[in-house]
């Protein structure tokens, strides 16, 4: 994420021009950011699934490497077992042959004792190999994804599918509502949206402002109002995303001081104190002597 100094913010014509002087806090909504913020509910679920799937890919690759290593070990142990079996068979045949030649000689007793010792050693070696094979089997069982882990992944996918389904249904309802709103002029819809907002009927207001955005009717103001709705509903990450969109469309609006102040407060509430300070300082520099500058100074003093 590109960071800029306070001096750059002050010198720039506006602190919200996307092409150059955009404050780093307005990197909101970027899923490729190592620590993304300003995400909508859908984006948060997408990010969560993205992270879970990445973990599964990493785990799968690690498992594949472990399995290849285990297979190499098993192949080696199999060779050891075959060698031990061959030695045991050779000892058995040699003892049998010696027995047939001379059962009473001292050489026979000596060779029989040696072969017996060799067989005992082979048996002990076999036990060690079997024990190691058992350990490898346990390792294989631990290496593969467990049923519970798989079920968790399935639940995450279903959760995402449910959210998409919910949003699609919401879009359908919105279309039904749009047919009613189509009967009104856009200026009337804007007036009703503002009226709903003033009465703190945020869900109704949100529906109307969303319709205005679809119709491209004063979108900068509509995005700003939706951001304010999300801000007062304490959905701070979503508020930041909408503040950003509004500022990118029209950075000279009369509500810019409030937009900057509420962005700073929203950032502070999402624990991004560094960017919150950047905005507070920008307000103090750009609007000195204003009530917004006073509030920014107070917030800064409390953050220290």
Protein backbone atom coordinates (compact mmCIF):
# COMPACT_ATOMS: atom_id res chain seq x y z
CA UNK A 1 0.00 0.00 0.00
CA UNK A 2 1.43 3.39 -0.96
CA UNK A 3 1.90 5.80 1.93
CA UNK A 4 2.22 9.56 1.63
CA UNK A 5 3.40 12.24 4.01
CA UNK A 6 1.20 14.86 5.64
CA UNK A 7 3.01 17.53 3.64
CA UNK A 8 1.96 15.86 0.42
CA UNK A 9 -1.63 15.80 1.67
CA UNK A 10 -1.63 19.50 2.46
CA UNK A 11 0.00 20.57 -0.79
CA UNK A 12 -2.27 18.48 -2.97
CA UNK A 13 -5.33 20.16 -4.41
CA UNK A 14 -7.37 17.54 -2.62
CA UNK A 15 -6.41 14.69 -0.29
CA UNK A 16 -8.79 12.39 -2.09
CA UNK A 17 -7.67 12.40 -5.75
CA UNK A 18 -7.33 8.75 -6.68
CA UNK A 19 -4.58 9.30 -9.24
CA UNK A 20 -2.08 10.93 -6.89
CA UNK A 21 -2.83 12.25 -3.41
CA UNK A 22 -5.17 9.58 -2.10
CA UNK A 23 -4.52 8.90 1.59
CA UNK A 24 -3.39 5.38 2.30
CA UNK A 25 -6.51 4.79 4.40
CA UNK A 26 -8.48 4.77 1.19
CA UNK A 27 -6.84 1.56 0.13
CA UNK A 28 -10.00 0.10 1.62
CA UNK A 29 -11.66 -2.80 -0.12
CA UNK A 30 -8.41 -4.14 -1.60
CA UNK A 31 -8.49 -7.91 -1.06
CA UNK A 32 -4.84 -8.19 -2.15
CA UNK A 33 -3.75 -5.95 0.71
CA UNK A 34 -1.90 -8.00 3.38
CA UNK A 35 -4.25 -6.46 5.96
CA UNK A 36 -7.37 -5.45 4.02
CA UNK A 37 -10.01 -3.21 5.56
CA UNK A 38 -13.05 -1.29 4.45
CA UNK A 39 -14.56 -4.55 3.16
CA UNK A 40 -18.22 -5.20 2.54
CA UNK A 41 -19.84 -8.27 4.09
CA UNK A 42 -19.43 -10.17 0.82
CA UNK A 43 -15.78 -9.18 0.50
CA UNK A 44 -15.10 -10.32 4.06
CA UNK A 45 -16.51 -13.77 3.29
CA UNK A 46 -14.56 -13.90 0.02
CA UNK A 47 -11.38 -13.01 1.89
CA UNK A 48 -12.05 -15.61 4.57
CA UNK A 49 -12.64 -18.32 1.95
CA UNK A 50 -9.57 -17.16 0.03
CA UNK A 51 -7.45 -17.54 3.17
CA UNK A 52 -8.96 -20.95 4.00
CA UNK A 53 -8.41 -22.25 0.48
CA UNK A 54 -4.84 -20.95 0.53
CA UNK A 55 -4.26 -22.83 3.78
CA UNK A 56 -5.68 -26.01 2.24
CA UNK A 57 -3.38 -25.61 -0.80
CA UNK A 58 -0.36 -25.10 1.46
CA UNK A 59 -1.39 -28.05 3.67
CA UNK A 60 -1.96 -30.22 0.59
CA UNK A 61 1.46 -29.37 -0.83
CA UNK A 62 3.07 -30.09 2.54
CA UNK A 63 1.17 -33.36 2.75
CA UNK A 64 2.30 -34.34 -0.73
CA UNK A 65 5.92 -33.71 0.22
CA UNK A 66 5.51 -35.69 3.45
CA UNK A 67 3.85 -38.57 1.61
CA UNK A 68 6.68 -38.70 -0.96
CA UNK A 69 9.19 -38.77 1.89
CA UNK A 70 7.24 -41.52 3.66
CA UNK A 71 7.05 -43.56 0.45
CA UNK A 72 10.82 -43.32 0.08
CA UNK A 73 11.21 -44.52 3.67
CA UNK A 74 8.81 -47.40 3.09
CA UNK A 75 10.67 -48.42 -0.07
CA UNK A 76 13.91 -48.42 1.93
CA UNK A 77 12.40 -50.46 4.73
CA UNK A 78 10.95 -52.89 2.24
CA UNK A 79 14.46 -53.46 0.91
CA UNK A 80 15.70 -54.09 4.45
CA UNK A 81 12.92 -56.62 5.06
CA UNK A 82 13.68 -58.45 1.82
CA UNK A 83 17.36 -58.58 2.76
CA UNK A 84 16.62 -59.98 6.22
CA UNK A 85 14.25 -62.56 4.77
CA UNK A 86 16.90 -63.61 2.27
CA UNK A 87 19.52 -64.00 5.03
CA UNK A 88 17.16 -66.07 7.16
CA UNK A 89 16.43 -68.37 4.25
CA UNK A 90 20.14 -68.73 3.45
CA UNK A 91 20.88 -69.57 7.10
CA UNK A 92 18.12 -72.15 7.15
CA UNK A 93 19.37 -73.83 3.97
CA UNK A 94 22.99 -73.79 5.12
CA UNK A 95 22.07 -75.32 8.45
CA UNK A 96 20.03 -78.00 6.74
CA UNK A 97 22.89 -78.80 4.37
CA UNK A 98 25.39 -78.98 7.20
CA UNK A 99 23.08 -81.22 9.18
CA UNK A 100 22.84 -83.64 6.29
CA UNK A 101 26.64 -83.85 5.94
CA UNK A 102 27.65 -84.33 9.55
CA UNK A 103 25.44 -84.21 12.57
CA UNK A 104 28.08 -85.04 15.16
CA UNK A 105 31.07 -82.88 14.31
CA UNK A 106 32.15 -79.90 16.36
CA UNK A 107 32.02 -77.82 13.14
CA UNK A 108 28.33 -78.57 12.88
CA UNK A 109 27.64 -77.38 16.44
CA UNK A 110 29.70 -74.26 15.90
CA UNK A 111 27.96 -73.39 12.62
CA UNK A 112 24.57 -74.17 14.11
CA UNK A 113 25.26 -71.81 17.04
CA UNK A 114 26.42 -69.03 14.68
CA UNK A 115 23.36 -69.41 12.48
CA UNK A 116 21.09 -69.42 15.50
CA UNK A 117 22.64 -66.15 16.65
CA UNK A 118 22.28 -64.70 13.16
CA UNK A 119 18.63 -65.72 13.06
CA UNK A 120 18.02 -64.15 16.46
CA UNK A 121 19.65 -60.94 15.27
CA UNK A 122 17.57 -60.99 12.11
CA UNK A 123 14.42 -61.40 14.17
CA UNK A 124 15.35 -58.40 16.33
CA UNK A 125 16.09 -56.36 13.19
CA UNK A 126 12.72 -57.37 11.80
CA UNK A 127 11.02 -56.14 14.99
CA UNK A 128 12.74 -52.75 14.63
CA UNK A 129 11.60 -52.48 11.03
CA UNK A 130 8.01 -53.40 11.91
CA UNK A 131 8.00 -50.79 14.68
CA UNK A 132 9.23 -48.12 12.26
CA UNK A 133 6.60 -49.12 9.71
CA UNK A 134 3.93 -48.69 12.40
CA UNK A 135 5.24 -45.20 13.12
CA UNK A 136 5.08 -44.37 9.41
CA UNK A 137 1.48 -45.53 9.24
CA UNK A 138 0.59 -43.27 12.17
CA UNK A 139 2.38 -40.40 10.43
CA UNK A 140 0.37 -40.98 7.25
CA UNK A 141 -2.87 -40.88 9.22
CA UNK A 142 -1.86 -37.55 10.75
CA UNK A 143 -0.64 -36.14 7.43
CA UNK A 144 -3.91 -36.30 5.53
CA UNK A 145 -6.70 -33.76 6.11
CA UNK A 146 -9.05 -35.04 8.78
CA UNK A 147 -12.76 -35.45 8.20
CA UNK A 148 -13.48 -32.57 10.58
CA UNK A 149 -11.10 -30.29 8.65
CA UNK A 150 -12.79 -31.26 5.40
CA UNK A 151 -16.22 -30.63 6.90
CA UNK A 152 -15.07 -27.21 8.09
CA UNK A 153 -13.99 -26.32 4.57
CA UNK A 154 -17.33 -27.50 3.20
CA UNK A 155 -19.13 -25.35 5.77
CA UNK A 156 -17.10 -22.32 4.68
CA UNK A 157 -17.98 -22.91 1.04
CA UNK A 158 -21.65 -23.37 1.90
CA UNK A 159 -21.55 -20.19 3.97
CA UNK A 160 -20.23 -18.29 0.99
CA UNK A 161 -22.83 -19.87 -1.31
CA UNK A 162 -25.52 -18.90 1.20
CA UNK A 163 -24.33 -15.30 1.22
CA UNK A 164 -24.31 -15.16 -2.57
CA UNK A 165 -27.80 -16.66 -2.65
CA UNK A 166 -28.97 -14.12 -0.09
CA UNK A 167 -27.54 -11.26 -2.12
CA UNK A 168 -29.11 -12.59 -5.30
CA UNK A 169 -32.48 -12.70 -3.53
CA UNK A 170 -31.83 -9.19 -2.28
CA UNK A 171 -31.17 -8.10 -5.83
CA UNK A 172 -34.44 -9.68 -6.90
CA UNK A 173 -36.33 -7.83 -4.18
CA UNK A 174 -34.53 -4.68 -5.19
CA UNK A 175 -35.75 -5.18 -8.74
CA UNK A 176 -39.32 -5.49 -7.49
CA UNK A 177 -38.88 -2.33 -5.47
CA UNK A 178 -37.33 -0.61 -8.47
CA UNK A 179 -40.55 -1.03 -10.41
CA UNK A 180 -42.30 1.03 -7.72
CA UNK A 181 -39.55 3.63 -7.60
CA UNK A 182 -39.63 3.96 -11.36
CA UNK A 183 -42.93 5.74 -10.94
CA UNK A 184 -41.22 8.55 -9.01
CA UNK A 185 -38.84 11.19 -10.26
CA UNK A 186 -35.22 10.84 -9.19
CA UNK A 187 -35.40 14.13 -7.29
CA UNK A 188 -38.42 12.84 -5.34
CA UNK A 189 -36.57 9.63 -4.54
CA UNK A 190 -33.57 11.63 -3.33
CA UNK A 191 -35.85 13.73 -1.11
CA UNK A 192 -37.47 10.60 0.34
CA UNK A 193 -34.06 9.02 0.91
CA UNK A 194 -32.93 12.09 2.84
CA UNK A 195 -36.16 12.14 4.81
CA UNK A 196 -35.71 8.49 5.80
CA UNK A 197 -32.14 9.27 6.84
CA UNK A 198 -33.22 12.23 8.97
CA UNK A 199 -35.71 9.99 10.75
CA UNK A 200 -32.96 7.38 11.25
CA UNK A 201 -34.86 4.88 9.12
CA UNK A 202 -31.54 3.75 7.76
CA UNK A 203 -32.63 0.59 5.95
CA UNK A 204 -35.23 2.50 3.95
CA UNK A 205 -32.80 5.30 3.22
CA UNK A 206 -30.15 2.79 2.14
CA UNK A 207 -32.57 1.20 -0.32
CA UNK A 208 -33.41 4.54 -1.91
CA UNK A 209 -29.81 5.74 -2.15
CA UNK A 210 -28.79 2.41 -3.67
CA UNK A 211 -31.46 2.92 -6.32
CA UNK A 212 -30.10 6.40 -7.04
CA UNK A 213 -26.61 4.95 -7.53
CA UNK A 214 -28.03 2.41 -9.99
CA UNK A 215 -29.57 5.32 -11.89
CA UNK A 216 -26.33 7.34 -11.61
CA UNK A 217 -28.21 10.21 -9.97
CA UNK A 218 -25.76 12.33 -7.99
CA UNK A 219 -23.75 9.22 -7.15
CA UNK A 220 -21.09 11.03 -5.09
CA UNK A 221 -23.75 12.24 -2.66
CA UNK A 222 -25.51 8.86 -2.66
CA UNK A 223 -22.26 7.04 -1.83
CA UNK A 224 -21.56 9.58 0.90
CA UNK A 225 -25.02 9.11 2.43
CA UNK A 226 -24.67 5.32 2.35
CA UNK A 227 -21.29 5.72 4.04
CA UNK A 228 -22.94 7.85 6.74
CA UNK A 229 -25.62 5.20 7.22
CA UNK A 230 -22.99 2.49 7.63
CA UNK A 231 -21.04 4.79 9.94
CA UNK A 232 -23.98 5.33 12.28
CA UNK A 233 -24.80 1.64 12.14
CA UNK A 234 -21.19 1.13 13.27
CA UNK A 235 -20.29 -0.84 10.17
CA UNK A 236 -17.03 1.08 10.03
CA UNK A 237 -15.20 -0.96 7.40
CA UNK A 238 -18.08 -0.64 4.95
CA UNK A 239 -18.37 3.06 5.77
CA UNK A 240 -14.72 3.61 4.81
CA UNK A 241 -15.26 1.86 1.47
CA UNK A 242 -18.23 4.12 0.62
CA UNK A 243 -16.47 7.29 1.85
CA UNK A 244 -13.64 6.42 -0.49
CA UNK A 245 -15.98 6.00 -3.46
CA UNK A 246 -17.74 9.28 -2.75
CA UNK A 247 -14.47 11.20 -2.43
CA UNK A 248 -13.16 9.71 -5.66
CA UNK A 249 -16.25 10.96 -7.54
CA UNK A 250 -16.35 14.50 -6.16
CA UNK A 251 -13.68 15.81 -3.82
CA UNK A 252 -14.98 19.39 -3.55
CA UNK A 253 -18.32 18.64 -1.94
CA UNK A 254 -19.42 20.67 1.06
CA UNK A 255 -19.52 17.55 3.19
CA UNK A 256 -15.80 16.77 2.71
CA UNK A 257 -14.81 17.91 6.25
CA UNK A 258 -17.40 15.56 7.77
CA UNK A 259 -16.38 12.80 5.37
CA UNK A 260 -12.75 13.15 6.44
CA UNK A 261 -13.62 13.30 10.14
CA UNK A 262 -15.90 10.28 10.02
CA UNK A 263 -13.31 8.40 7.96
CA UNK A 264 -10.72 9.09 10.65
CA UNK A 265 -13.10 7.95 13.40
CA UNK A 266 -14.02 4.84 11.41
CA UNK A 267 -10.35 4.02 10.92
CA UNK A 268 -9.73 4.46 14.64
CA UNK A 269 -12.60 2.07 15.37
CA UNK A 270 -11.08 -0.53 13.07
CA UNK A 271 -7.79 -0.21 15.00
CA UNK A 272 -5.98 1.53 12.14
CA UNK A 273 -4.69 4.35 14.32
CA UNK A 274 -1.87 5.27 11.96
CA UNK A 275 -4.20 6.20 9.10
CA UNK A 276 -6.67 7.77 11.52
CA UNK A 277 -3.94 10.16 12.65
CA UNK A 278 -3.19 10.98 9.02
CA UNK A 279 -6.78 12.04 8.46
CA UNK A 280 -7.03 14.00 11.72
CA UNK A 281 -3.88 15.94 10.82
CA UNK A 282 -5.17 16.55 7.28
CA UNK A 283 -8.40 18.03 8.72
CA UNK A 284 -6.47 20.32 11.04
CA UNK A 285 -4.29 21.54 8.14
CA UNK A 286 -7.04 21.87 5.54
CA UNK A 287 -9.79 23.30 7.77
CA UNK A 288 -8.00 25.25 10.52
CA UNK A 289 -10.26 26.98 13.02
CA UNK A 290 -13.28 24.84 12.07
CA UNK A 291 -15.29 22.67 14.45
CA UNK A 292 -13.93 19.65 12.56
CA UNK A 293 -10.35 20.71 13.25
CA UNK A 294 -11.22 21.08 16.94
CA UNK A 295 -12.70 17.59 17.04
CA UNK A 296 -9.68 16.23 15.18
CA UNK A 297 -7.30 17.83 17.71
CA UNK A 298 -9.30 16.39 20.59
CA UNK A 299 -9.24 12.91 19.06
CA UNK A 300 -5.51 13.14 18.45
CA UNK A 301 -4.89 14.16 22.05
CA UNK A 302 -6.84 11.15 23.29
CA UNK A 303 -4.88 8.83 21.03
CA UNK A 304 -1.52 9.87 22.52
